Amino acid sequence: MAYKEKEITRLYYPIGEVAEMFEVNTSMIRFYEKEFSVLQPKKNAKGNRLFRPEDIEHLKVIFHLIKDKGYTLQGAKEYLKSNKNEIHEQQKIIDSLEKLKSFMVDLSA
C-alpha cells in the first residue's frame, strides 16, 4: 500500500505525522477531511488537527479505496456508506497481511 505501516499506540496524532504515515501532503489529509464525513479529527485551542486512531483507520480505508482500488471520490463515499461493517473487516485483514508480509521480508533478510 501507499502508506507506511506505523504502530498506532498514542491517543492523538498531529496532522504532520498522519501525512507522513501516508506519504502525502497535509493538504491532502485536510481535503479528505472535508470530503469524507467519517473523518472528524479533534482540534486543540490553536485549531491544530489531532487525529485519533479511529481517524487513521478511516484514512487507511479511504486511501485503499482511492489509491489501490481506483475509486473516484464519489464512488468511495458511496461505498463507505453502503458497506460500513464490511470495509473495516477487510481493512483488518489487509493490515494483518501487510504485517505478515513485513515479517516475512525481515525474516528472509
C-alpha atoms as a PDB file:
ATOM      1  CA  MET A   1       0.000   0.000   0.000  1.00  0.00           C
ATOM      2  CA  ALA A   2       0.978   3.601  -0.357  1.00  0.00           C
ATOM      3  CA  TYR A   3       1.350   4.350   3.325  1.00  0.00           C
ATOM      4  CA  LYS A   4       3.948   3.353   5.873  1.00  0.00           C
ATOM      5  CA  GLU A   5       2.710   0.923   8.469  1.00  0.00           C
ATOM      6  CA  LYS A   6       3.208   2.504  11.864  1.00  0.00           C
ATOM      7  CA  GLU A   7       2.093   1.030  15.144  1.00  0.00           C
ATOM      8  CA  ILE A   8      -0.828   3.056  16.460  1.00  0.00           C
ATOM      9  CA  THR A   9      -0.237   3.497  20.177  1.00  0.00           C
ATOM     10  CA  ARG A  10      -0.943   7.121  21.052  1.00  0.00           C
ATOM     11  CA  LEU A  11      -4.293   8.782  21.655  1.00  0.00           C
ATOM     12  CA  TYR A  12      -3.771  11.653  19.212  1.00  0.00           C
ATOM     13  CA  TYR A  13      -1.515  12.316  16.228  1.00  0.00           C
ATOM     14  CA  PRO A  14      -0.849  15.741  14.676  1.00  0.00           C
ATOM     15  CA  ILE A  15      -1.673  16.153  11.007  1.00  0.00           C
ATOM     16  CA  GLY A  16       2.021  16.255  10.045  1.00  0.00           C
ATOM     17  CA  GLU A  17       2.637  12.774  11.439  1.00  0.00           C
ATOM     18  CA  VAL A  18      -0.504  11.436   9.800  1.00  0.00           C
ATOM     19  CA  ALA A  19       0.577  12.872   6.448  1.00  0.00           C
ATOM     20  CA  GLU A  20       3.988  11.270   6.935  1.00  0.00           C
ATOM     21  CA  MET A  21       2.375   7.884   7.652  1.00  0.00           C
ATOM     22  CA  PHE A  22       0.543   8.023   4.339  1.00  0.00           C
ATOM     23  CA  GLU A  23       3.392   9.731   2.466  1.00  0.00           C
ATOM     24  CA  VAL A  24       1.205  12.631   1.302  1.00  0.00           C
ATOM     25  CA  ASN A  25       0.996  16.366   1.924  1.00  0.00           C
ATOM     26  CA  THR A  26      -1.014  17.706   4.826  1.00  0.00           C
ATOM     27  CA  SER A  27      -3.246  19.452   2.289  1.00  0.00           C
ATOM     28  CA  MET A  28      -4.450  16.067   1.022  1.00  0.00           C
ATOM     29  CA  ILE A  29      -5.355  14.991   4.555  1.00  0.00           C
ATOM     30  CA  ARG A  30      -7.295  18.251   5.032  1.00  0.00           C
ATOM     31  CA  PHE A  31      -9.008  17.727   1.656  1.00  0.00           C
ATOM     32  CA  TYR A  32     -10.122  14.216   2.603  1.00  0.00           C
ATOM     33  CA  GLU A  33     -11.329  15.569   5.935  1.00  0.00           C
ATOM     34  CA  LYS A  34     -13.635  17.957   4.069  1.00  0.00           C
ATOM     35  CA  GLU A  35     -14.804  15.322   1.594  1.00  0.00           C
ATOM     36  CA  PHE A  36     -15.454  12.401   3.967  1.00  0.00           C
ATOM     37  CA  SER A  37     -17.725  12.931   6.947  1.00  0.00           C
ATOM     38  CA  VAL A  38     -16.276   9.916   8.789  1.00  0.00           C
ATOM     39  CA  LEU A  39     -13.066  11.890   9.333  1.00  0.00           C
ATOM     40  CA  GLN A  40     -13.576  14.193  12.272  1.00  0.00           C
ATOM     41  CA  PRO A  41     -10.278  14.950  13.994  1.00  0.00           C
ATOM     42  CA  LYS A  42     -10.321  16.872  17.239  1.00  0.00           C
ATOM     43  CA  LYS A  43      -8.939  20.395  17.241  1.00  0.00           C
ATOM     44  CA  ASN A  44      -6.978  21.917  20.096  1.00  0.00           C
ATOM     45  CA  ALA A  45      -7.243  25.526  21.288  1.00  0.00           C
ATOM     46  CA  LYS A  46      -4.922  26.677  18.494  1.00  0.00           C
ATOM     47  CA  GLY A  47      -7.032  24.897  15.881  1.00  0.00           C
ATOM     48  CA  ASN A  48      -4.468  22.189  15.138  1.00  0.00           C
ATOM     49  CA  ARG A  49      -5.973  18.914  13.998  1.00  0.00           C
ATOM     50  CA  LEU A  50      -5.402  15.925  16.253  1.00  0.00           C
ATOM     51  CA  PHE A  51      -6.246  12.571  14.704  1.00  0.00           C
ATOM     52  CA  ARG A  52      -7.394   9.637  16.832  1.00  0.00           C
ATOM     53  CA  PRO A  53      -6.511   6.041  15.919  1.00  0.00           C
ATOM     54  CA  GLU A  54     -10.085   5.635  14.574  1.00  0.00           C
ATOM     55  CA  ASP A  55      -9.487   8.539  12.189  1.00  0.00           C
ATOM     56  CA  ILE A  56      -6.295   6.910  10.980  1.00  0.00           C
ATOM     57  CA  GLU A  57      -8.171   3.651  10.382  1.00  0.00           C
ATOM     58  CA  HIS A  58     -10.764   5.571   8.364  1.00  0.00           C
ATOM     59  CA  LEU A  59      -7.963   7.182   6.357  1.00  0.00           C
ATOM     60  CA  LYS A  60      -6.480   3.750   5.644  1.00  0.00           C
ATOM     61  CA  VAL A  61      -9.805   2.631   4.224  1.00  0.00           C
ATOM     62  CA  ILE A  62     -10.165   5.800   2.159  1.00  0.00           C
ATOM     63  CA  PHE A  63      -6.641   5.520   0.772  1.00  0.00           C
ATOM     64  CA  HIS A  64      -7.194   1.844  -0.020  1.00  0.00           C
ATOM     65  CA  LEU A  65     -10.377   2.587  -1.945  1.00  0.00           C
ATOM     66  CA  ILE A  66      -8.987   5.570  -3.838  1.00  0.00           C
ATOM     67  CA  LYS A  67      -5.342   4.671  -4.392  1.00  0.00           C
ATOM     68  CA  ASP A  68      -5.396   0.868  -4.573  1.00  0.00           C
ATOM     69  CA  LYS A  69      -8.846   0.087  -5.939  1.00  0.00           C
ATOM     70  CA  GLY A  70      -9.150   3.185  -8.139  1.00  0.00           C
ATOM     71  CA  TYR A  71     -12.450   4.518  -6.819  1.00  0.00           C
ATOM     72  CA  THR A  72     -13.439   8.106  -7.507  1.00  0.00           C
ATOM     73  CA  LEU A  73     -14.176  10.332  -4.512  1.00  0.00           C
ATOM     74  CA  GLN A  74     -17.914   9.979  -5.070  1.00  0.00           C
ATOM     75  CA  GLY A  75     -17.594   6.222  -5.557  1.00  0.00           C
ATOM     76  CA  ALA A  76     -15.576   5.887  -2.346  1.00  0.00           C
ATOM     77  CA  LYS A  77     -18.175   7.918  -0.430  1.00  0.00           C
ATOM     78  CA  GLU A  78     -20.996   5.704  -1.685  1.00  0.00           C
ATOM     79  CA  TYR A  79     -19.028   2.533  -0.956  1.00  0.00           C
ATOM     80  CA  LEU A  80     -18.312   3.722   2.591  1.00  0.00           C
ATOM     81  CA  LYS A  81     -21.997   4.465   3.189  1.00  0.00           C
ATOM     82  CA  SER A  82     -23.271   1.148   1.880  1.00  0.00           C
ATOM     83  CA  ASN A  83     -20.584  -1.191   3.296  1.00  0.00           C
ATOM     84  CA  LYS A  84     -19.566   0.205   6.685  1.00  0.00           C
ATOM     85  CA  ASN A  85     -19.025  -3.080   8.564  1.00  0.00           C
ATOM     86  CA  GLU A  86     -17.561  -4.983   5.641  1.00  0.00           C
ATOM     87  CA  ILE A  87     -14.943  -2.311   4.960  1.00  0.00           C
ATOM     88  CA  HIS A  88     -13.486  -2.393   8.462  1.00  0.00           C
ATOM     89  CA  GLU A  89     -13.260  -6.190   8.410  1.00  0.00           C
ATOM     90  CA  GLN A  90     -11.486  -6.062   5.054  1.00  0.00           C
ATOM     91  CA  GLN A  91      -9.093  -3.413   6.358  1.00  0.00           C
ATOM     92  CA  LYS A  92      -8.221  -5.568   9.369  1.00  0.00           C
ATOM     93  CA  ILE A  93      -7.402  -8.438   7.022  1.00  0.00           C
ATOM     94  CA  ILE A  94      -5.296  -6.178   4.806  1.00  0.00           C
ATOM     95  CA  ASP A  95      -3.430  -4.824   7.848  1.00  0.00           C
ATOM     96  CA  SER A  96      -2.670  -8.300   9.139  1.00  0.00           C
ATOM     97  CA  LEU A  97      -1.459  -9.415   5.695  1.00  0.00           C
ATOM     98  CA  GLU A  98       0.785  -6.345   5.453  1.00  0.00           C
ATOM     99  CA  LYS A  99       2.293  -7.147   8.853  1.00  0.00           C
ATOM    100  CA  LEU A 100       2.821 -10.759   7.799  1.00  0.00           C
ATOM    101  CA  LYS A 101       4.488  -9.639   4.576  1.00  0.00           C
ATOM    102  CA  SER A 102       6.757  -7.281   6.521  1.00  0.00           C
ATOM    103  CA  PHE A 103       7.661 -10.077   8.936  1.00  0.00           C
ATOM    104  CA  MET A 104       8.455 -12.465   6.084  1.00  0.00           C
ATOM    105  CA  VAL A 105      10.666  -9.885   4.372  1.00  0.00           C
ATOM    106  CA  ASP A 106      12.516  -9.250   7.634  1.00  0.00           C
ATOM    107  CA  LEU A 107      12.859 -12.970   8.193  1.00  0.00           C
ATOM    108  CA  SER A 108      14.351 -13.573   4.768  1.00  0.00           C
ATOM    109  CA  ALA A 109      16.866 -10.727   5.222  1.00  0.00           C
END
